[in-house]
């Protein structure tokens, strides 16, 4: 940790070093991003951006004519961050991958750097459940909590954009249900992709839950 080697047989020096090492926060290592982790995040971010670029255009084209079909694609914006969190199990990798995916989209989206903010917004919900437990627990069901939260928050925030108030209750219920299905389905797909990548040797050693 300090870069110095303990001298064998020097009990006094070793005794002085041990309290300093134990005083380091146990979570300090979790916030480090080795090169291998950064490269994996970069690969996931680029792959996510390449997926979201055409999805963004398709969603934009469908929005005025088939808004409920457009919202059925919403969960795709969770996919890169969920995959990163499931695969790497490190704090903030979901946000980092969301940021990178947003940067990849910028030249193709037609929305400029607002695409980065959109991606970070979705990534935040993938990261949120693990933030609540300070990234100490990585149970599978935690991913679905994020999906459930955003599937409620997104329709509420987009209520005016989709003019949901002009439609009947049945349509509003279907809209929420489609959003929920999209977010939960994309989360399940992200978990599946991450598990397949790990079995293929990507992602290194899994941290214990």
N, C-alpha and C. Protein backbone atom coordinates (compact mmCIF):
# COMPACT_ATOMS: atom_id res chain seq x y z
N UNK A 1 0.83 -1.21 0.00
CA UNK A 1 0.00 0.00 0.00
C UNK A 1 0.85 1.25 0.00
N UNK A 2 1.91 1.28 0.89
CA UNK A 2 2.74 2.47 0.98
C UNK A 2 3.89 2.44 -0.01
N UNK A 3 4.14 1.29 -0.63
CA UNK A 3 5.22 1.16 -1.60
C UNK A 3 6.52 0.72 -0.98
N UNK A 4 6.56 0.48 0.32
CA UNK A 4 7.78 0.03 1.00
C UNK A 4 7.62 -1.41 1.41
N UNK A 5 8.71 -2.14 1.46
CA UNK A 5 8.67 -3.55 1.86
C UNK A 5 8.97 -3.65 3.35
N UNK A 6 8.23 -4.55 4.01
CA UNK A 6 8.50 -4.79 5.43
C UNK A 6 9.76 -5.62 5.56
N UNK A 7 10.61 -5.28 6.48
CA UNK A 7 11.85 -6.01 6.70
C UNK A 7 11.53 -7.21 7.58
N UNK A 8 11.91 -8.39 7.09
CA UNK A 8 11.62 -9.61 7.84
C UNK A 8 12.30 -9.55 9.18
N UNK A 9 11.54 -9.87 10.19
CA UNK A 9 12.07 -9.94 11.54
C UNK A 9 12.00 -8.63 12.28
N UNK A 10 11.61 -7.52 11.59
CA UNK A 10 11.53 -6.23 12.27
C UNK A 10 10.11 -6.07 12.80
N UNK A 11 9.83 -6.64 13.94
CA UNK A 11 8.48 -6.67 14.48
C UNK A 11 7.97 -5.28 14.81
N UNK A 12 8.85 -4.38 15.25
CA UNK A 12 8.42 -3.05 15.65
C UNK A 12 7.92 -2.27 14.44
N UNK A 13 8.64 -2.33 13.31
CA UNK A 13 8.23 -1.61 12.11
C UNK A 13 6.92 -2.14 11.58
N UNK A 14 6.76 -3.46 11.60
CA UNK A 14 5.53 -4.06 11.11
C UNK A 14 4.35 -3.68 11.99
N UNK A 15 4.57 -3.61 13.28
CA UNK A 15 3.49 -3.23 14.19
C UNK A 15 3.06 -1.79 13.97
N UNK A 16 4.01 -0.92 13.58
CA UNK A 16 3.66 0.48 13.33
C UNK A 16 2.89 0.62 12.02
N UNK A 17 3.19 -0.22 11.05
CA UNK A 17 2.54 -0.12 9.74
C UNK A 17 1.12 -0.67 9.75
N UNK A 18 0.87 -1.69 10.55
CA UNK A 18 -0.43 -2.36 10.52
C UNK A 18 -1.59 -1.44 10.88
N UNK A 19 -1.50 -0.60 11.89
CA UNK A 19 -2.62 0.29 12.18
C UNK A 19 -2.92 1.25 11.04
N UNK A 20 -1.88 1.73 10.33
CA UNK A 20 -2.11 2.66 9.23
C UNK A 20 -2.85 1.97 8.09
N UNK A 21 -2.50 0.72 7.82
CA UNK A 21 -3.17 0.00 6.74
C UNK A 21 -4.61 -0.31 7.11
N UNK A 22 -4.85 -0.69 8.34
CA UNK A 22 -6.21 -1.02 8.74
C UNK A 22 -7.09 0.21 8.82
N UNK A 23 -6.47 1.39 8.94
CA UNK A 23 -7.26 2.61 9.03
C UNK A 23 -7.80 3.05 7.68
N UNK A 24 -7.29 2.49 6.59
CA UNK A 24 -7.79 2.85 5.28
C UNK A 24 -9.22 2.37 5.13
N UNK A 25 -10.10 3.14 4.50
CA UNK A 25 -11.47 2.70 4.33
C UNK A 25 -11.54 1.43 3.51
N UNK A 26 -12.41 0.51 3.92
CA UNK A 26 -12.53 -0.77 3.23
C UNK A 26 -13.00 -0.59 1.80
N UNK A 27 -13.73 0.49 1.53
CA UNK A 27 -14.30 0.70 0.20
C UNK A 27 -13.38 1.46 -0.73
N UNK A 28 -12.16 1.83 -0.25
CA UNK A 28 -11.30 2.67 -1.07
C UNK A 28 -10.98 2.02 -2.41
N UNK A 29 -10.71 0.70 -2.39
CA UNK A 29 -10.35 0.01 -3.62
C UNK A 29 -11.47 -0.06 -4.63
N UNK A 30 -12.71 0.04 -4.15
CA UNK A 30 -13.84 -0.08 -5.05
C UNK A 30 -13.97 1.12 -5.98
N UNK A 31 -13.39 2.23 -5.59
CA UNK A 31 -13.51 3.45 -6.39
C UNK A 31 -12.31 3.66 -7.30
N UNK A 32 -11.46 2.65 -7.39
CA UNK A 32 -10.34 2.73 -8.33
C UNK A 32 -10.76 2.13 -9.65
N UNK A 33 -10.24 2.69 -10.72
CA UNK A 33 -10.59 2.21 -12.06
C UNK A 33 -9.32 1.78 -12.78
N UNK A 34 -8.90 0.53 -12.60
CA UNK A 34 -7.73 0.03 -13.33
C UNK A 34 -7.96 0.12 -14.84
N UNK A 35 -6.87 0.01 -15.57
CA UNK A 35 -6.95 0.13 -17.02
C UNK A 35 -7.91 -0.89 -17.62
N UNK A 36 -7.89 -2.12 -17.11
CA UNK A 36 -8.77 -3.16 -17.66
C UNK A 36 -10.24 -2.78 -17.48
N UNK A 37 -10.57 -2.18 -16.32
CA UNK A 37 -11.95 -1.76 -16.07
C UNK A 37 -12.33 -0.63 -17.03
N UNK A 38 -11.44 0.34 -17.20
CA UNK A 38 -11.72 1.46 -18.11
C UNK A 38 -11.90 0.99 -19.54
N UNK A 39 -11.07 0.03 -19.96
CA UNK A 39 -11.20 -0.48 -21.32
C UNK A 39 -12.52 -1.23 -21.51
N UNK A 40 -12.92 -1.97 -20.49
CA UNK A 40 -14.20 -2.68 -20.57
C UNK A 40 -15.36 -1.69 -20.62
N UNK A 41 -15.29 -0.64 -19.81
CA UNK A 41 -16.32 0.41 -19.84
C UNK A 41 -16.36 1.09 -21.20
N UNK A 42 -15.18 1.34 -21.77
CA UNK A 42 -15.13 1.97 -23.09
C UNK A 42 -15.79 1.09 -24.13
N UNK A 43 -15.51 -0.22 -24.09
CA UNK A 43 -16.10 -1.15 -25.05
C UNK A 43 -17.62 -1.20 -24.89
N UNK A 44 -18.09 -1.26 -23.64
CA UNK A 44 -19.53 -1.29 -23.39
C UNK A 44 -20.19 0.02 -23.80
N UNK A 45 -19.50 1.13 -23.55
CA UNK A 45 -20.04 2.43 -23.93
C UNK A 45 -20.17 2.58 -25.43
N UNK A 46 -19.15 2.16 -26.16
CA UNK A 46 -19.19 2.24 -27.63
C UNK A 46 -20.28 1.32 -28.17
N UNK A 47 -20.33 0.09 -27.65
CA UNK A 47 -21.36 -0.85 -28.11
C UNK A 47 -22.76 -0.30 -27.80
N UNK A 48 -22.92 0.28 -26.62
CA UNK A 48 -24.21 0.86 -26.25
C UNK A 48 -24.57 2.03 -27.15
N UNK A 49 -23.58 2.87 -27.46
CA UNK A 49 -23.83 4.00 -28.34
C UNK A 49 -24.24 3.57 -29.74
N UNK A 50 -23.59 2.52 -30.26
CA UNK A 50 -23.92 2.00 -31.58
C UNK A 50 -25.33 1.41 -31.61
N UNK A 51 -25.77 0.87 -30.48
CA UNK A 51 -27.13 0.37 -30.39
C UNK A 51 -28.14 1.50 -30.29
N UNK A 52 -27.82 2.51 -29.48
CA UNK A 52 -28.77 3.58 -29.19
C UNK A 52 -28.88 4.61 -30.32
N UNK A 53 -27.86 4.74 -31.14
CA UNK A 53 -27.92 5.73 -32.22
C UNK A 53 -29.09 5.46 -33.17
N UNK A 54 -29.22 4.24 -33.73
CA UNK A 54 -30.39 3.99 -34.58
C UNK A 54 -31.70 3.94 -33.78
N UNK A 55 -31.62 3.44 -32.53
CA UNK A 55 -32.83 3.40 -31.70
C UNK A 55 -33.35 4.80 -31.43
N UNK A 56 -32.44 5.75 -31.29
CA UNK A 56 -32.82 7.14 -31.04
C UNK A 56 -33.58 7.72 -32.24
N UNK A 57 -33.06 7.47 -33.44
CA UNK A 57 -33.73 7.97 -34.64
C UNK A 57 -35.08 7.30 -34.84
N UNK A 58 -35.15 5.99 -34.63
CA UNK A 58 -36.41 5.28 -34.80
C UNK A 58 -37.45 5.76 -33.80
N UNK A 59 -37.02 5.95 -32.56
CA UNK A 59 -37.92 6.44 -31.52
C UNK A 59 -38.42 7.84 -31.87
N UNK A 60 -37.53 8.68 -32.40
CA UNK A 60 -37.92 10.05 -32.78
C UNK A 60 -38.94 10.03 -33.91
N UNK A 61 -38.76 9.15 -34.88
CA UNK A 61 -39.68 9.06 -36.02
C UNK A 61 -41.05 8.53 -35.59
N UNK A 62 -41.05 7.61 -34.64
CA UNK A 62 -42.30 7.01 -34.19
C UNK A 62 -43.06 7.90 -33.21
N UNK A 63 -42.34 8.79 -32.55
CA UNK A 63 -42.94 9.61 -31.48
C UNK A 63 -44.22 10.34 -31.92
N UNK A 64 -44.24 11.02 -33.08
CA UNK A 64 -45.45 11.77 -33.43
C UNK A 64 -46.62 10.89 -33.87
N UNK A 65 -46.33 9.71 -34.41
CA UNK A 65 -47.40 8.90 -35.00
C UNK A 65 -47.78 7.68 -34.15
N UNK A 66 -46.79 7.07 -33.53
CA UNK A 66 -47.03 5.89 -32.69
C UNK A 66 -46.25 6.04 -31.38
N UNK A 67 -46.67 6.96 -30.54
CA UNK A 67 -45.89 7.25 -29.33
C UNK A 67 -45.75 6.05 -28.40
N UNK A 68 -46.76 5.20 -28.35
CA UNK A 68 -46.69 4.07 -27.43
C UNK A 68 -45.68 3.03 -27.93
N UNK A 69 -45.48 2.98 -29.26
CA UNK A 69 -44.43 2.11 -29.80
C UNK A 69 -43.06 2.72 -29.53
N UNK A 70 -43.01 4.04 -29.62
CA UNK A 70 -41.77 4.75 -29.33
C UNK A 70 -41.31 4.50 -27.90
N UNK A 71 -42.25 4.56 -26.96
CA UNK A 71 -41.87 4.39 -25.56
C UNK A 71 -41.52 2.93 -25.26
N UNK A 72 -41.94 2.02 -26.12
CA UNK A 72 -41.59 0.62 -25.93
C UNK A 72 -40.09 0.38 -26.08
N UNK A 73 -39.39 1.36 -26.66
CA UNK A 73 -37.96 1.24 -26.84
C UNK A 73 -37.18 1.91 -25.70
N UNK A 74 -37.89 2.53 -24.78
CA UNK A 74 -37.24 3.33 -23.74
C UNK A 74 -36.22 2.54 -22.92
N UNK A 75 -36.54 1.29 -22.64
CA UNK A 75 -35.65 0.49 -21.80
C UNK A 75 -34.27 0.28 -22.37
N UNK A 76 -34.12 0.45 -23.68
CA UNK A 76 -32.81 0.28 -24.30
C UNK A 76 -31.77 1.23 -23.70
N UNK A 77 -32.23 2.37 -23.22
CA UNK A 77 -31.29 3.35 -22.65
C UNK A 77 -30.73 2.88 -21.30
N UNK A 78 -31.36 1.89 -20.70
CA UNK A 78 -30.82 1.29 -19.47
C UNK A 78 -29.77 0.22 -19.76
N UNK A 79 -29.87 -0.38 -20.92
CA UNK A 79 -29.11 -1.59 -21.24
C UNK A 79 -27.60 -1.47 -21.03
N UNK A 80 -26.92 -0.44 -21.57
CA UNK A 80 -25.46 -0.37 -21.39
C UNK A 80 -25.03 -0.29 -19.92
N UNK A 81 -25.74 0.54 -19.15
CA UNK A 81 -25.36 0.73 -17.75
C UNK A 81 -25.65 -0.50 -16.91
N UNK A 82 -26.77 -1.15 -17.16
CA UNK A 82 -27.09 -2.39 -16.43
C UNK A 82 -26.03 -3.45 -16.72
N UNK A 83 -25.64 -3.57 -17.98
CA UNK A 83 -24.61 -4.56 -18.35
C UNK A 83 -23.30 -4.27 -17.62
N UNK A 84 -22.92 -3.00 -17.57
CA UNK A 84 -21.66 -2.63 -16.92
C UNK A 84 -21.70 -2.92 -15.42
N UNK A 85 -22.79 -2.55 -14.78
CA UNK A 85 -22.89 -2.77 -13.34
C UNK A 85 -22.93 -4.26 -12.99
N UNK A 86 -23.64 -5.02 -13.79
CA UNK A 86 -23.72 -6.46 -13.55
C UNK A 86 -22.38 -7.14 -13.78
N UNK A 87 -21.69 -6.71 -14.83
CA UNK A 87 -20.43 -7.36 -15.21
C UNK A 87 -19.30 -6.98 -14.27
N UNK A 88 -19.15 -5.68 -13.97
CA UNK A 88 -17.98 -5.19 -13.25
C UNK A 88 -18.19 -5.05 -11.75
N UNK A 89 -19.44 -4.79 -11.34
CA UNK A 89 -19.77 -4.65 -9.92
C UNK A 89 -18.84 -3.67 -9.22
N UNK A 90 -18.75 -2.49 -9.79
CA UNK A 90 -17.97 -1.40 -9.20
C UNK A 90 -18.80 -0.13 -9.18
N UNK A 91 -18.56 0.74 -8.20
CA UNK A 91 -19.31 1.99 -8.14
C UNK A 91 -19.09 2.84 -9.37
N UNK A 92 -20.18 3.43 -9.87
CA UNK A 92 -20.17 4.46 -10.91
C UNK A 92 -19.83 3.96 -12.31
N UNK A 93 -19.63 2.66 -12.49
CA UNK A 93 -19.36 2.19 -13.86
C UNK A 93 -20.60 2.35 -14.74
N UNK A 94 -21.78 2.29 -14.14
CA UNK A 94 -23.00 2.52 -14.90
C UNK A 94 -23.06 3.93 -15.45
N UNK A 95 -22.70 4.90 -14.62
CA UNK A 95 -22.67 6.29 -15.06
C UNK A 95 -21.60 6.52 -16.12
N UNK A 96 -20.44 5.90 -15.92
CA UNK A 96 -19.35 6.07 -16.88
C UNK A 96 -19.73 5.51 -18.24
N UNK A 97 -20.32 4.33 -18.26
CA UNK A 97 -20.73 3.74 -19.53
C UNK A 97 -21.86 4.56 -20.17
N UNK A 98 -22.76 5.05 -19.36
CA UNK A 98 -23.81 5.93 -19.89
C UNK A 98 -23.24 7.18 -20.53
N UNK A 99 -22.24 7.76 -19.87
CA UNK A 99 -21.57 8.94 -20.41
C UNK A 99 -20.91 8.63 -21.76
N UNK A 100 -20.18 7.53 -21.82
CA UNK A 100 -19.48 7.16 -23.05
C UNK A 100 -20.46 6.85 -24.18
N UNK A 101 -21.54 6.15 -23.86
CA UNK A 101 -22.55 5.85 -24.88
C UNK A 101 -23.17 7.14 -25.40
N UNK A 102 -23.41 8.10 -24.50
CA UNK A 102 -23.96 9.39 -24.93
C UNK A 102 -23.02 10.14 -25.85
N UNK A 103 -21.73 10.10 -25.54
CA UNK A 103 -20.75 10.77 -26.40
C UNK A 103 -20.68 10.13 -27.78
N UNK A 104 -20.84 8.82 -27.84
CA UNK A 104 -20.85 8.13 -29.14
C UNK A 104 -22.05 8.57 -29.98
N UNK A 105 -23.18 8.80 -29.32
CA UNK A 105 -24.41 9.16 -30.03
C UNK A 105 -24.37 10.59 -30.59
N UNK A 106 -23.64 11.47 -29.91
CA UNK A 106 -23.69 12.91 -30.23
C UNK A 106 -23.64 13.22 -31.72
N UNK A 107 -22.70 12.67 -32.49
CA UNK A 107 -22.63 13.05 -33.91
C UNK A 107 -23.81 12.54 -34.75
N UNK A 108 -24.57 11.59 -34.21
CA UNK A 108 -25.61 10.94 -35.02
C UNK A 108 -27.03 11.26 -34.55
N UNK A 109 -27.18 11.85 -33.38
CA UNK A 109 -28.50 11.93 -32.78
C UNK A 109 -29.35 13.07 -33.31
N UNK A 110 -28.72 14.16 -33.73
CA UNK A 110 -29.48 15.34 -34.09
C UNK A 110 -29.84 16.21 -32.90
N UNK A 111 -29.51 15.76 -31.70
CA UNK A 111 -29.81 16.51 -30.48
C UNK A 111 -28.55 17.06 -29.82
N UNK A 112 -27.40 16.82 -30.43
CA UNK A 112 -26.15 17.32 -29.88
C UNK A 112 -25.83 16.72 -28.52
N UNK A 113 -25.25 17.54 -27.66
CA UNK A 113 -24.79 17.04 -26.36
C UNK A 113 -25.94 16.80 -25.38
N UNK A 114 -27.15 17.16 -25.75
CA UNK A 114 -28.27 16.80 -24.89
C UNK A 114 -28.45 15.29 -24.83
N UNK A 115 -27.93 14.58 -25.85
CA UNK A 115 -27.97 13.12 -25.82
C UNK A 115 -27.15 12.57 -24.67
N UNK A 116 -26.06 13.26 -24.33
CA UNK A 116 -25.23 12.83 -23.20
C UNK A 116 -26.02 12.94 -21.90
N UNK A 117 -26.75 14.05 -21.74
CA UNK A 117 -27.56 14.24 -20.54
C UNK A 117 -28.66 13.19 -20.45
N UNK A 118 -29.26 12.87 -21.60
CA UNK A 118 -30.30 11.85 -21.62
C UNK A 118 -29.75 10.51 -21.16
N UNK A 119 -28.59 10.15 -21.69
CA UNK A 119 -27.98 8.87 -21.31
C UNK A 119 -27.61 8.83 -19.84
N UNK A 120 -27.08 9.94 -19.33
CA UNK A 120 -26.73 10.00 -17.92
C UNK A 120 -27.97 9.91 -17.04
N UNK A 121 -29.07 10.48 -17.50
CA UNK A 121 -30.32 10.43 -16.75
C UNK A 121 -30.77 8.98 -16.58
N UNK A 122 -30.74 8.22 -17.67
CA UNK A 122 -31.13 6.82 -17.60
C UNK A 122 -30.12 6.01 -16.79
N UNK A 123 -28.85 6.28 -16.98
CA UNK A 123 -27.81 5.54 -16.26
C UNK A 123 -27.94 5.75 -14.75
N UNK A 124 -28.38 6.94 -14.35
CA UNK A 124 -28.52 7.23 -12.92
C UNK A 124 -29.51 6.29 -12.25
N UNK A 125 -30.57 5.90 -12.96
CA UNK A 125 -31.55 4.99 -12.37
C UNK A 125 -31.01 3.57 -12.28
N UNK A 126 -30.14 3.19 -13.21
CA UNK A 126 -29.49 1.88 -13.10
C UNK A 126 -28.54 1.84 -11.91
N UNK A 127 -27.91 2.97 -11.63
CA UNK A 127 -26.93 3.06 -10.55
C UNK A 127 -27.58 3.29 -9.18
N UNK A 128 -28.75 3.91 -9.18
CA UNK A 128 -29.38 4.39 -7.94
C UNK A 128 -29.56 3.33 -6.85
N UNK A 129 -30.09 2.14 -7.14
CA UNK A 129 -30.28 1.17 -6.05
C UNK A 129 -28.98 0.79 -5.36
N UNK A 130 -27.89 0.74 -6.10
CA UNK A 130 -26.60 0.37 -5.51
C UNK A 130 -26.00 1.54 -4.72
N UNK A 131 -26.33 2.75 -5.13
CA UNK A 131 -25.92 3.92 -4.35
C UNK A 131 -26.55 3.89 -2.96
N UNK A 132 -27.82 3.48 -2.88
CA UNK A 132 -28.52 3.44 -1.60
C UNK A 132 -27.84 2.50 -0.61
N UNK A 133 -27.19 1.46 -1.11
CA UNK A 133 -26.49 0.53 -0.21
C UNK A 133 -24.98 0.75 -0.29
N UNK A 134 -24.57 1.90 -0.84
CA UNK A 134 -23.16 2.27 -0.95
C UNK A 134 -22.35 1.20 -1.69
N UNK A 135 -22.96 0.60 -2.69
CA UNK A 135 -22.31 -0.38 -3.56
C UNK A 135 -21.72 -1.56 -2.76
N UNK A 136 -22.39 -1.92 -1.65
CA UNK A 136 -21.92 -3.04 -0.84
C UNK A 136 -22.68 -4.33 -1.15
N UNK A 137 -23.74 -4.24 -1.91
CA UNK A 137 -24.55 -5.42 -2.21
C UNK A 137 -24.91 -5.39 -3.69
N UNK A 138 -24.78 -6.55 -4.35
CA UNK A 138 -24.96 -6.59 -5.81
C UNK A 138 -25.98 -7.66 -6.22
N UNK A 139 -27.01 -7.81 -5.41
CA UNK A 139 -28.04 -8.80 -5.75
C UNK A 139 -28.71 -8.49 -7.07
N UNK A 140 -29.10 -9.53 -7.79
CA UNK A 140 -29.74 -9.37 -9.10
C UNK A 140 -30.99 -8.51 -9.00
N UNK A 141 -31.77 -8.71 -7.95
CA UNK A 141 -33.03 -7.98 -7.84
C UNK A 141 -32.83 -6.48 -7.71
N UNK A 142 -31.63 -6.03 -7.31
CA UNK A 142 -31.35 -4.60 -7.20
C UNK A 142 -31.43 -3.91 -8.56
N UNK A 143 -31.02 -4.62 -9.60
CA UNK A 143 -31.12 -4.05 -10.95
C UNK A 143 -32.58 -3.76 -11.30
N UNK A 144 -33.46 -4.65 -10.89
CA UNK A 144 -34.87 -4.49 -11.23
C UNK A 144 -35.53 -3.36 -10.44
N UNK A 145 -34.99 -3.04 -9.28
CA UNK A 145 -35.51 -1.89 -8.53
C UNK A 145 -35.32 -0.62 -9.35
N UNK A 146 -34.12 -0.46 -9.92
CA UNK A 146 -33.87 0.70 -10.77
C UNK A 146 -34.82 0.75 -11.95
N UNK A 147 -35.08 -0.41 -12.57
CA UNK A 147 -35.99 -0.48 -13.70
C UNK A 147 -37.41 -0.08 -13.29
N UNK A 148 -37.84 -0.55 -12.13
CA UNK A 148 -39.19 -0.21 -11.65
C UNK A 148 -39.33 1.28 -11.37
N UNK A 149 -38.29 1.87 -10.76
CA UNK A 149 -38.36 3.29 -10.42
C UNK A 149 -38.45 4.14 -11.69
N UNK A 150 -37.58 3.87 -12.65
CA UNK A 150 -37.56 4.71 -13.86
C UNK A 150 -38.81 4.47 -14.70
N UNK A 151 -39.40 3.29 -14.63
CA UNK A 151 -40.61 3.03 -15.40
C UNK A 151 -41.81 3.80 -14.87
N UNK A 152 -41.71 4.31 -13.66
CA UNK A 152 -42.74 5.19 -13.11
C UNK A 152 -42.36 6.65 -13.32
N UNK A 153 -41.11 6.97 -13.07
CA UNK A 153 -40.66 8.36 -13.17
C UNK A 153 -40.72 8.87 -14.61
N UNK A 154 -40.31 8.04 -15.56
CA UNK A 154 -40.25 8.51 -16.95
C UNK A 154 -41.62 8.91 -17.51
N UNK A 155 -42.66 8.08 -17.39
CA UNK A 155 -43.96 8.51 -17.90
C UNK A 155 -44.49 9.77 -17.22
N UNK A 156 -44.22 9.90 -15.92
CA UNK A 156 -44.68 11.09 -15.21
C UNK A 156 -43.98 12.34 -15.75
N UNK A 157 -42.67 12.25 -15.93
CA UNK A 157 -41.93 13.40 -16.43
C UNK A 157 -42.24 13.70 -17.90
N UNK A 158 -42.59 12.66 -18.65
CA UNK A 158 -42.89 12.84 -20.08
C UNK A 158 -44.39 12.99 -20.33
N UNK A 159 -45.16 13.18 -19.27
CA UNK A 159 -46.63 13.26 -19.39
C UNK A 159 -47.05 14.32 -20.40
N UNK A 160 -46.49 15.51 -20.30
CA UNK A 160 -46.86 16.60 -21.21
C UNK A 160 -46.36 16.34 -22.62
N UNK A 161 -45.15 15.80 -22.74
CA UNK A 161 -44.58 15.55 -24.08
C UNK A 161 -45.43 14.57 -24.87
N UNK A 162 -45.97 13.56 -24.18
CA UNK A 162 -46.81 12.56 -24.85
C UNK A 162 -48.29 12.92 -24.80
N UNK A 163 -48.64 14.07 -24.20
CA UNK A 163 -50.04 14.50 -24.08
C UNK A 163 -50.92 13.41 -23.49
N UNK A 164 -50.41 12.77 -22.46
CA UNK A 164 -51.16 11.65 -21.87
C UNK A 164 -52.49 12.10 -21.27
N UNK A 165 -52.55 13.38 -20.85
CA UNK A 165 -53.79 13.87 -20.27
C UNK A 165 -54.95 13.91 -21.25
N UNK A 166 -54.66 13.87 -22.55
CA UNK A 166 -55.70 13.91 -23.57
C UNK A 166 -56.30 12.54 -23.84
N UNK A 167 -55.69 11.51 -23.29
CA UNK A 167 -56.16 10.15 -23.54
C UNK A 167 -56.91 9.61 -22.32
N UNK A 168 -57.64 8.55 -22.55
CA UNK A 168 -58.39 7.93 -21.47
C UNK A 168 -57.50 7.17 -20.51
N UNK A 169 -58.11 6.75 -19.40
CA UNK A 169 -57.36 6.05 -18.36
C UNK A 169 -56.75 4.76 -18.90
N UNK A 170 -57.48 4.07 -19.77
CA UNK A 170 -56.97 2.79 -20.29
C UNK A 170 -55.66 3.00 -21.03
N UNK A 171 -55.59 4.09 -21.82
CA UNK A 171 -54.37 4.36 -22.58
C UNK A 171 -53.22 4.70 -21.63
N UNK A 172 -53.51 5.47 -20.59
CA UNK A 172 -52.47 5.84 -19.63
C UNK A 172 -51.94 4.61 -18.91
N UNK A 173 -52.83 3.68 -18.55
CA UNK A 173 -52.41 2.45 -17.89
C UNK A 173 -51.54 1.63 -18.84
N UNK A 174 -51.95 1.53 -20.10
CA UNK A 174 -51.17 0.78 -21.08
C UNK A 174 -49.80 1.43 -21.27
N UNK A 175 -49.77 2.76 -21.28
CA UNK A 175 -48.51 3.49 -21.46
C UNK A 175 -47.54 3.15 -20.33
N UNK A 176 -48.02 3.17 -19.09
CA UNK A 176 -47.17 2.82 -17.95
C UNK A 176 -46.74 1.35 -18.03
N UNK A 177 -47.67 0.49 -18.45
CA UNK A 177 -47.36 -0.94 -18.52
C UNK A 177 -46.30 -1.21 -19.59
N UNK A 178 -46.41 -0.52 -20.73
CA UNK A 178 -45.42 -0.70 -21.80
C UNK A 178 -44.05 -0.20 -21.35
N UNK A 179 -44.03 0.93 -20.66
CA UNK A 179 -42.77 1.45 -20.15
C UNK A 179 -42.14 0.48 -19.16
N UNK A 180 -42.97 -0.06 -18.27
CA UNK A 180 -42.48 -1.03 -17.28
C UNK A 180 -41.92 -2.27 -17.97
N UNK A 181 -42.66 -2.79 -18.94
CA UNK A 181 -42.21 -3.99 -19.66
C UNK A 181 -40.89 -3.73 -20.38
N UNK A 182 -40.78 -2.56 -21.00
CA UNK A 182 -39.56 -2.21 -21.72
C UNK A 182 -38.36 -2.12 -20.79
N UNK A 183 -38.54 -1.45 -19.66
CA UNK A 183 -37.42 -1.26 -18.72
C UNK A 183 -37.01 -2.57 -18.06
N UNK A 184 -37.99 -3.36 -17.65
CA UNK A 184 -37.68 -4.64 -17.02
C UNK A 184 -37.06 -5.60 -18.03
N UNK A 185 -37.60 -5.61 -19.26
CA UNK A 185 -37.07 -6.49 -20.30
C UNK A 185 -35.63 -6.13 -20.66
N UNK A 186 -35.35 -4.83 -20.80
CA UNK A 186 -33.99 -4.39 -21.13
C UNK A 186 -33.02 -4.70 -19.99
N UNK A 187 -33.50 -4.59 -18.76
CA UNK A 187 -32.67 -4.92 -17.60
C UNK A 187 -32.33 -6.41 -17.59
N UNK A 188 -33.32 -7.24 -17.87
CA UNK A 188 -33.07 -8.69 -17.94
C UNK A 188 -32.08 -9.02 -19.05
N UNK A 189 -32.21 -8.31 -20.18
CA UNK A 189 -31.28 -8.54 -21.29
C UNK A 189 -29.86 -8.09 -20.91
N UNK A 190 -29.76 -6.96 -20.22
CA UNK A 190 -28.45 -6.48 -19.77
C UNK A 190 -27.78 -7.45 -18.82
N UNK A 191 -28.56 -8.03 -17.91
CA UNK A 191 -28.03 -9.03 -16.99
C UNK A 191 -27.56 -10.26 -17.75
N UNK A 192 -28.36 -10.69 -18.72
CA UNK A 192 -28.00 -11.86 -19.53
C UNK A 192 -26.70 -11.62 -20.30
N UNK A 193 -26.59 -10.46 -20.92
CA UNK A 193 -25.38 -10.13 -21.68
C UNK A 193 -24.16 -10.13 -20.77
N UNK A 194 -24.29 -9.49 -19.60
CA UNK A 194 -23.17 -9.42 -18.66
C UNK A 194 -22.75 -10.82 -18.19
N UNK A 195 -23.73 -11.66 -17.90
CA UNK A 195 -23.40 -13.01 -17.44
C UNK A 195 -22.72 -13.82 -18.54
N UNK A 196 -23.16 -13.64 -19.77
CA UNK A 196 -22.51 -14.33 -20.89
C UNK A 196 -21.08 -13.84 -21.07
N UNK A 197 -20.89 -12.53 -20.95
CA UNK A 197 -19.54 -11.98 -21.09
C UNK A 197 -18.63 -12.49 -19.99
N UNK A 198 -19.16 -12.59 -18.78
CA UNK A 198 -18.33 -13.09 -17.68
C UNK A 198 -17.95 -14.54 -17.89
N UNK A 199 -18.88 -15.34 -18.37
CA UNK A 199 -18.56 -16.74 -18.64
C UNK A 199 -17.52 -16.85 -19.76
N UNK A 200 -17.48 -15.85 -20.63
CA UNK A 200 -16.48 -15.85 -21.70
C UNK A 200 -15.14 -15.30 -21.23
N UNK A 201 -15.07 -14.89 -19.96
CA UNK A 201 -13.80 -14.42 -19.41
C UNK A 201 -13.64 -12.92 -19.38
N UNK A 202 -14.70 -12.18 -19.70
CA UNK A 202 -14.63 -10.72 -19.68
C UNK A 202 -15.02 -10.22 -18.30
N UNK A 203 -14.33 -9.21 -17.81
CA UNK A 203 -14.74 -8.58 -16.56
C UNK A 203 -13.91 -8.94 -15.35
N UNK A 204 -13.07 -9.96 -15.46
CA UNK A 204 -12.20 -10.29 -14.34
C UNK A 204 -12.94 -10.96 -13.22
N UNK A 205 -12.33 -10.90 -12.03
CA UNK A 205 -12.88 -11.57 -10.84
C UNK A 205 -14.11 -10.86 -10.34
N UNK A 206 -15.14 -11.63 -10.09
CA UNK A 206 -16.38 -11.07 -9.55
C UNK A 206 -16.23 -10.77 -8.09
N UNK A 207 -16.65 -9.56 -7.69
CA UNK A 207 -16.66 -9.24 -6.27
C UNK A 207 -17.85 -9.90 -5.61
N UNK A 208 -17.66 -10.31 -4.37
CA UNK A 208 -18.73 -11.03 -3.69
C UNK A 208 -19.84 -10.05 -3.33
N UNK A 209 -21.13 -10.54 -3.29
CA UNK A 209 -22.25 -9.66 -3.00
C UNK A 209 -22.15 -9.09 -1.60
